[in-house]
């Protein structure tokens, strides 16, 4: 009841949209890792963060538009393999001769 009253008040007073308020809450709690206890059971944080969230999503939109036509290259992986060790014969300790 409290949240609905606050949200309808924000719509009437500030002209916010339901989608905008939802994005605000998602940004504050999921992206910005805000504390749930700070909300005190309501959504009173929305007027304080609405402009920041609006700018965040606008910047995200601009980045997507800028990179829309770019082709991604396949990543290049560099693999290094050590050369195998050469087997060295141990020295002959006894010389039995050729007979």
C-alpha atoms as a PDB file:
ATOM      1  CA  UNK A   1       0.000   0.000   0.000  1.00  0.00           C
ATOM      2  CA  UNK A   2       2.821   2.385   0.918  1.00  0.00           C
ATOM      3  CA  UNK A   3       4.756   1.705  -2.275  1.00  0.00           C
ATOM      4  CA  UNK A   4       1.706   2.149  -4.482  1.00  0.00           C
ATOM      5  CA  UNK A   5       0.840   5.449  -2.781  1.00  0.00           C
ATOM      6  CA  UNK A   6       4.405   6.723  -3.136  1.00  0.00           C
ATOM      7  CA  UNK A   7       4.636   5.636  -6.787  1.00  0.00           C
ATOM      8  CA  UNK A   8       1.347   7.292  -7.722  1.00  0.00           C
ATOM      9  CA  UNK A   9       2.487  10.441  -5.935  1.00  0.00           C
ATOM     10  CA  UNK A  10       5.718  10.468  -7.973  1.00  0.00           C
ATOM     11  CA  UNK A  11       3.716  10.067 -11.177  1.00  0.00           C
ATOM     12  CA  UNK A  12       1.432  12.975 -10.258  1.00  0.00           C
ATOM     13  CA  UNK A  13       4.101  15.268  -8.804  1.00  0.00           C
ATOM     14  CA  UNK A  14       7.163  14.615 -10.989  1.00  0.00           C
ATOM     15  CA  UNK A  15       5.712  12.942 -14.078  1.00  0.00           C
ATOM     16  CA  UNK A  16       7.730   9.752 -13.595  1.00  0.00           C
ATOM     17  CA  UNK A  17       6.731   6.581 -15.416  1.00  0.00           C
ATOM     18  CA  UNK A  18       6.274   3.111 -13.981  1.00  0.00           C
ATOM     19  CA  UNK A  19       9.076   1.857 -16.213  1.00  0.00           C
ATOM     20  CA  UNK A  20      11.378   4.640 -15.074  1.00  0.00           C
ATOM     21  CA  UNK A  21      10.680   3.923 -11.412  1.00  0.00           C
ATOM     22  CA  UNK A  22      11.253   0.200 -11.973  1.00  0.00           C
ATOM     23  CA  UNK A  23      14.582   0.931 -13.637  1.00  0.00           C
ATOM     24  CA  UNK A  24      15.500   3.202 -10.732  1.00  0.00           C
ATOM     25  CA  UNK A  25      14.919   0.448  -8.220  1.00  0.00           C
ATOM     26  CA  UNK A  26      16.773  -2.105 -10.346  1.00  0.00           C
ATOM     27  CA  UNK A  27      19.723   0.259 -10.739  1.00  0.00           C
ATOM     28  CA  UNK A  28      19.831   1.159  -7.061  1.00  0.00           C
ATOM     29  CA  UNK A  29      19.597  -2.360  -5.668  1.00  0.00           C
ATOM     30  CA  UNK A  30      21.166  -4.575  -8.353  1.00  0.00           C
ATOM     31  CA  UNK A  31      23.712  -2.395 -10.143  1.00  0.00           C
ATOM     32  CA  UNK A  32      24.641   0.079  -7.405  1.00  0.00           C
ATOM     33  CA  UNK A  33      24.225  -2.482  -4.577  1.00  0.00           C
ATOM     34  CA  UNK A  34      22.098  -0.217  -2.388  1.00  0.00           C
ATOM     35  CA  UNK A  35      20.947  -1.438   0.998  1.00  0.00           C
ATOM     36  CA  UNK A  36      17.362  -2.672   1.302  1.00  0.00           C
ATOM     37  CA  UNK A  37      17.224  -1.395   4.881  1.00  0.00           C
ATOM     38  CA  UNK A  38      17.684   2.178   3.647  1.00  0.00           C
ATOM     39  CA  UNK A  39      14.329   1.945   1.860  1.00  0.00           C
ATOM     40  CA  UNK A  40      12.357   1.553   5.123  1.00  0.00           C
ATOM     41  CA  UNK A  41       9.729  -0.487   3.287  1.00  0.00           C
ATOM     42  CA  UNK A  42       9.083   2.165   0.652  1.00  0.00           C
ATOM     43  CA  UNK A  43      10.442   3.602  -2.569  1.00  0.00           C
ATOM     44  CA  UNK A  44      11.263   7.098  -1.358  1.00  0.00           C
ATOM     45  CA  UNK A  45      14.747   6.866  -2.857  1.00  0.00           C
ATOM     46  CA  UNK A  46      13.401   7.294  -6.392  1.00  0.00           C
ATOM     47  CA  UNK A  47      13.296  11.138  -6.547  1.00  0.00           C
ATOM     48  CA  UNK A  48      16.904  11.319  -5.348  1.00  0.00           C
ATOM     49  CA  UNK A  49      18.300   8.915  -7.953  1.00  0.00           C
ATOM     50  CA  UNK A  50      15.927   9.350 -10.912  1.00  0.00           C
ATOM     51  CA  UNK A  51      18.139  11.811 -12.824  1.00  0.00           C
ATOM     52  CA  UNK A  52      21.288   9.722 -12.252  1.00  0.00           C
ATOM     53  CA  UNK A  53      19.520   6.589 -13.449  1.00  0.00           C
ATOM     54  CA  UNK A  54      18.118   8.408 -16.459  1.00  0.00           C
ATOM     55  CA  UNK A  55      21.640   9.533 -17.396  1.00  0.00           C
ATOM     56  CA  UNK A  56      23.003   5.995 -16.824  1.00  0.00           C
ATOM     57  CA  UNK A  57      20.487   4.396 -19.194  1.00  0.00           C
ATOM     58  CA  UNK A  58      20.922   7.184 -21.749  1.00  0.00           C
ATOM     59  CA  UNK A  59      24.714   6.662 -21.740  1.00  0.00           C
ATOM     60  CA  UNK A  60      24.125   2.929 -22.118  1.00  0.00           C
ATOM     61  CA  UNK A  61      21.855   3.601 -25.098  1.00  0.00           C
ATOM     62  CA  UNK A  62      24.478   5.881 -26.706  1.00  0.00           C
ATOM     63  CA  UNK A  63      27.185   3.247 -26.258  1.00  0.00           C
ATOM     64  CA  UNK A  64      24.997   0.603 -27.899  1.00  0.00           C
ATOM     65  CA  UNK A  65      24.205   2.916 -30.812  1.00  0.00           C
ATOM     66  CA  UNK A  66      27.868   3.792 -31.280  1.00  0.00           C
ATOM     67  CA  UNK A  67      28.910   0.141 -31.312  1.00  0.00           C
ATOM     68  CA  UNK A  68      25.945  -1.178 -33.292  1.00  0.00           C
ATOM     69  CA  UNK A  69      27.714  -1.295 -36.647  1.00  0.00           C
ATOM     70  CA  UNK A  70      31.098  -2.460 -35.377  1.00  0.00           C
ATOM     71  CA  UNK A  71      32.203  -5.961 -36.227  1.00  0.00           C
ATOM     72  CA  UNK A  72      33.753  -7.964 -33.493  1.00  0.00           C
ATOM     73  CA  UNK A  73      36.936  -9.790 -34.286  1.00  0.00           C
ATOM     74  CA  UNK A  74      37.515 -13.278 -33.071  1.00  0.00           C
ATOM     75  CA  UNK A  75      39.860 -13.241 -30.095  1.00  0.00           C
ATOM     76  CA  UNK A  76      43.431 -14.254 -30.752  1.00  0.00           C
ATOM     77  CA  UNK A  77      44.860 -16.738 -28.320  1.00  0.00           C
ATOM     78  CA  UNK A  78      48.572 -17.178 -27.875  1.00  0.00           C
ATOM     79  CA  UNK A  79      49.702 -20.586 -26.754  1.00  0.00           C
ATOM     80  CA  UNK A  80      53.277 -21.299 -25.776  1.00  0.00           C
ATOM     81  CA  UNK A  81      54.570 -24.844 -25.687  1.00  0.00           C
ATOM     82  CA  UNK A  82      57.909 -25.612 -24.164  1.00  0.00           C
ATOM     83  CA  UNK A  83      60.266 -27.677 -26.237  1.00  0.00           C
ATOM     84  CA  UNK A  84      60.663 -31.238 -25.033  1.00  0.00           C
ATOM     85  CA  UNK A  85      63.774 -32.061 -23.055  1.00  0.00           C
ATOM     86  CA  UNK A  86      66.438 -33.963 -24.928  1.00  0.00           C
ATOM     87  CA  UNK A  87      67.356 -37.299 -23.460  1.00  0.00           C
ATOM     88  CA  UNK A  88      70.991 -37.321 -22.484  1.00  0.00           C
ATOM     89  CA  UNK A  89      72.790 -40.639 -22.299  1.00  0.00           C
ATOM     90  CA  UNK A  90      74.553 -41.247 -19.068  1.00  0.00           C
ATOM     91  CA  UNK A  91      78.329 -41.548 -19.406  1.00  0.00           C
ATOM     92  CA  UNK A  92      79.822 -45.051 -19.720  1.00  0.00           C
ATOM     93  CA  UNK A  93      81.347 -46.033 -16.455  1.00  0.00           C
ATOM     94  CA  UNK A  94      83.034 -49.225 -17.662  1.00  0.00           C
ATOM     95  CA  UNK A  95      84.848 -49.716 -20.876  1.00  0.00           C
ATOM     96  CA  UNK A  96      84.540 -53.377 -21.808  1.00  0.00           C
ATOM     97  CA  UNK A  97      86.471 -53.016 -24.989  1.00  0.00           C
ATOM     98  CA  UNK A  98      85.435 -54.173 -28.430  1.00  0.00           C
ATOM     99  CA  UNK A  99      86.251 -57.892 -28.004  1.00  0.00           C
END
